[in-house]
Amino acid sequence: MSNLCNQKNDYRDLFYLCSDIEKHIMKKLLLFILIFLLGFEYSYSNQTDLIIENYSIDQGVPNNIVNYSLKDKDGFLWFGTWYGICRFDGLRFKTYNSAEYGNATLPPRKIQKMVEDKNGFLWIKTIDRKLYIFDKKKEKFNAVYDDMMNFSKNIQIIKIQTDINGNVLLFTKDKTLLLA
């Protein structure tokens, strides 16, 4: 059959003959892929039991839209929303969006990103490019806006992330990279 495909016959006959051979091979290949995928789906679906729960402001989330989430070293989930941050321990939410914790600095709002440093502090970047540090043990916020004026002309934070050692890297609007 392959010799027929290689012969220089009328191109229309060659097309139909080769197409039939290719169709047969394609059918077998598709059948194999289908059986493989069905077997994979069956084995995967039996191994995972997912429980999905939805939380809202009724359960303690500061806002129904979460902009950022983070799992810290202690296993808590932290959520950054338009109206502040909250911590979830698996049962309850604890919200940190008011000055009730004796903060000299008001808690940040409009959270965009959070990272945890090697000491367990949360570094919080807001939409308006300000930076806050949250001490989880003392439950206090510290605005580092004024502290950064000595290191950069334009202290608006563009990007925040940690390195492999848990240090925090800050990239400012004037393209200064700071190691915190």
Protein backbone atom coordinates (compact mmCIF):
# COMPACT_ATOMS: atom_id res chain seq x y z
CA MET A 1 0.00 0.00 0.00
CA SER A 2 2.77 2.45 0.77
CA ASN A 3 4.23 1.82 -2.67
CA LEU A 4 0.97 2.95 -4.19
CA CYS A 5 1.17 6.19 -2.27
CA ASN A 6 4.69 6.79 -3.54
CA GLN A 7 3.90 6.07 -7.19
CA LYS A 8 3.26 8.99 -9.48
CA ASN A 9 -0.32 8.20 -10.41
CA ASP A 10 -3.05 10.66 -10.94
CA TYR A 11 -2.88 12.91 -7.88
CA ARG A 12 -6.61 12.52 -7.14
CA ASP A 13 -6.35 8.73 -6.89
CA LEU A 14 -3.27 9.06 -4.75
CA PHE A 15 -5.04 11.49 -2.42
CA TYR A 16 -8.02 9.17 -1.89
CA LEU A 17 -5.85 6.08 -1.42
CA CYS A 18 -3.49 7.75 1.04
CA SER A 19 -6.40 9.41 2.82
CA ASP A 20 -8.01 6.01 3.48
CA ILE A 21 -4.79 4.68 4.97
CA GLU A 22 -4.33 7.80 7.07
CA LYS A 23 -7.96 7.67 8.21
CA HIS A 24 -7.48 4.11 9.44
CA ILE A 25 -4.32 5.05 11.35
CA MET A 26 -5.96 8.18 12.77
CA LYS A 27 -8.98 6.18 13.98
CA LYS A 28 -6.72 3.80 15.88
CA LEU A 29 -4.72 6.69 17.32
CA LEU A 30 -7.83 8.57 18.44
CA LEU A 31 -9.24 5.40 20.02
CA PHE A 32 -5.99 4.92 21.95
CA ILE A 33 -5.97 8.56 23.14
CA LEU A 34 -9.63 8.37 24.17
CA ILE A 35 -9.07 5.18 26.19
CA PHE A 36 -5.97 6.70 27.80
CA LEU A 37 -7.77 9.92 28.76
CA LEU A 38 -10.82 8.12 30.13
CA GLY A 39 -8.59 5.89 32.24
CA PHE A 40 -6.66 8.91 33.50
CA GLU A 41 -9.85 10.82 34.31
CA TYR A 42 -11.30 7.83 36.16
CA SER A 43 -8.18 7.29 38.26
CA TYR A 44 -7.77 11.00 39.00
CA SER A 45 -11.40 11.54 39.95
CA ASN A 46 -11.31 8.66 42.44
CA GLN A 47 -8.24 10.02 44.23
CA THR A 48 -9.40 13.55 45.03
CA ASP A 49 -12.29 14.53 47.21
CA LEU A 50 -12.62 18.28 47.06
CA ILE A 51 -14.70 20.28 49.47
CA ILE A 52 -15.44 23.76 48.27
CA GLU A 53 -16.83 26.35 50.65
CA ASN A 54 -17.63 29.97 49.89
CA TYR A 55 -17.05 32.70 52.43
CA SER A 56 -18.33 36.26 52.42
CA ILE A 57 -18.58 39.28 54.68
CA ASP A 58 -21.13 37.32 56.72
CA GLN A 59 -18.34 35.01 57.91
CA GLY A 60 -15.86 37.85 58.57
CA VAL A 61 -14.08 38.59 55.30
CA PRO A 62 -13.66 42.40 55.06
CA ASN A 63 -14.87 42.43 51.45
CA ASN A 64 -16.31 39.86 49.07
CA ILE A 65 -13.52 40.50 46.57
CA VAL A 66 -10.11 39.15 47.56
CA ASN A 67 -7.20 40.78 45.74
CA TYR A 68 -4.44 38.61 47.18
CA SER A 69 -4.06 35.49 49.30
CA LEU A 70 -1.06 34.11 51.13
CA LYS A 71 -0.39 31.03 53.25
CA ASP A 72 2.11 31.87 55.98
CA LYS A 73 4.70 29.67 57.68
CA ASP A 74 2.27 28.88 60.50
CA GLY A 75 -0.37 27.57 58.10
CA PHE A 76 -2.76 30.51 58.35
CA LEU A 77 -4.36 31.90 55.21
CA TRP A 78 -4.18 35.67 54.83
CA PHE A 79 -6.46 37.56 52.47
CA GLY A 80 -5.96 41.10 51.21
CA THR A 81 -9.11 42.95 50.20
CA TRP A 82 -10.17 46.48 49.37
CA TYR A 83 -11.05 47.01 53.05
CA GLY A 84 -8.02 45.48 54.76
CA ILE A 85 -6.55 42.09 55.60
CA CYS A 86 -7.88 39.09 57.44
CA ARG A 87 -6.49 35.82 58.72
CA PHE A 88 -8.26 32.48 58.37
CA ASP A 89 -7.36 29.61 60.70
CA GLY A 90 -9.58 27.03 58.99
CA LEU A 91 -12.59 27.83 61.16
CA ARG A 92 -12.81 31.58 61.68
CA PHE A 93 -11.69 34.84 60.15
CA LYS A 94 -9.94 37.54 62.13
CA THR A 95 -10.10 40.94 60.47
CA TYR A 96 -7.45 43.64 60.82
CA ASN A 97 -9.13 46.63 59.22
CA SER A 98 -9.61 49.06 62.08
CA ALA A 99 -7.47 50.85 64.65
CA GLU A 100 -8.78 48.64 67.47
CA TYR A 101 -5.39 46.99 67.93
CA GLY A 102 -3.73 50.12 69.33
CA ASN A 103 -1.86 50.87 66.14
CA ALA A 104 -0.10 54.14 65.70
CA THR A 105 -0.59 53.45 62.01
CA LEU A 106 -4.04 52.83 60.61
CA PRO A 107 -4.35 49.46 58.88
CA PRO A 108 -3.81 49.52 55.14
CA ARG A 109 -6.67 49.31 52.68
CA LYS A 110 -6.77 48.43 49.00
CA ILE A 111 -4.35 45.52 49.39
CA GLN A 112 -2.58 44.46 46.20
CA LYS A 113 0.13 42.04 47.37
CA MET A 114 1.50 40.47 50.54
CA VAL A 115 4.71 38.55 51.23
CA GLU A 116 6.09 37.01 54.39
CA ASP A 117 9.73 37.59 55.28
CA LYS A 118 12.09 35.21 57.07
CA ASN A 119 11.12 36.70 60.46
CA GLY A 120 7.41 36.10 59.95
CA PHE A 121 6.43 39.72 59.25
CA LEU A 122 3.89 40.40 56.52
CA TRP A 123 4.89 43.04 54.00
CA ILE A 124 1.81 44.58 52.46
CA LYS A 125 1.73 46.59 49.24
CA THR A 126 -1.37 48.64 48.49
CA ILE A 127 -2.89 49.74 45.19
CA ASP A 128 -1.66 53.30 45.84
CA ARG A 129 1.93 51.88 46.03
CA LYS A 130 2.42 52.31 49.76
CA LEU A 131 4.10 49.75 51.96
CA TYR A 132 3.20 48.45 55.40
CA ILE A 133 4.70 45.82 57.69
CA PHE A 134 2.41 43.77 59.88
CA ASP A 135 3.81 42.18 63.03
CA LYS A 136 1.67 39.08 63.49
CA LYS A 137 2.74 38.54 67.11
CA LYS A 138 1.92 42.07 68.26
CA GLU A 139 -0.89 42.47 65.71
CA LYS A 140 0.37 45.92 64.73
CA PHE A 141 0.90 47.68 61.42
CA ASN A 142 3.81 49.94 60.65
CA ALA A 143 3.77 52.26 57.64
CA VAL A 144 7.29 52.36 56.21
CA TYR A 145 6.58 55.18 53.79
CA ASP A 146 8.52 57.81 55.78
CA ASP A 147 11.34 55.38 56.65
CA MET A 148 12.09 54.79 52.96
CA MET A 149 12.63 58.46 52.07
CA ASN A 150 16.32 58.15 52.91
CA PHE A 151 16.81 55.38 50.35
CA SER A 152 14.89 56.45 47.27
CA LYS A 153 13.70 59.65 45.59
CA ASN A 154 10.34 58.25 44.61
CA ILE A 155 9.28 55.79 47.28
CA GLN A 156 6.21 54.42 45.55
CA ILE A 157 6.56 50.63 45.54
CA ILE A 158 6.04 49.02 42.13
CA LYS A 159 6.96 45.41 42.98
CA ILE A 160 7.54 43.42 46.15
CA GLN A 161 8.78 39.86 46.51
CA THR A 162 11.00 37.65 48.63
CA ASP A 163 14.27 36.03 47.64
CA ILE A 164 15.25 32.45 48.42
CA ASN A 165 16.56 33.47 51.85
CA GLY A 166 13.30 35.15 52.90
CA ASN A 167 14.58 38.71 52.44
CA VAL A 168 12.17 41.21 50.94
CA LEU A 169 13.04 42.94 47.68
CA LEU A 170 11.36 46.26 46.89
CA PHE A 171 11.33 47.90 43.48
CA THR A 172 10.39 51.59 43.51
CA LYS A 173 8.95 53.85 40.85
CA ASP A 174 12.33 55.50 40.24
CA LYS A 175 13.75 52.02 39.46
CA THR A 176 15.60 51.61 42.75
CA LEU A 177 15.89 48.04 44.03
CA LEU A 178 15.97 47.84 47.81
CA LEU A 179 16.80 44.84 49.96
CA ALA A 180 14.81 45.02 53.18
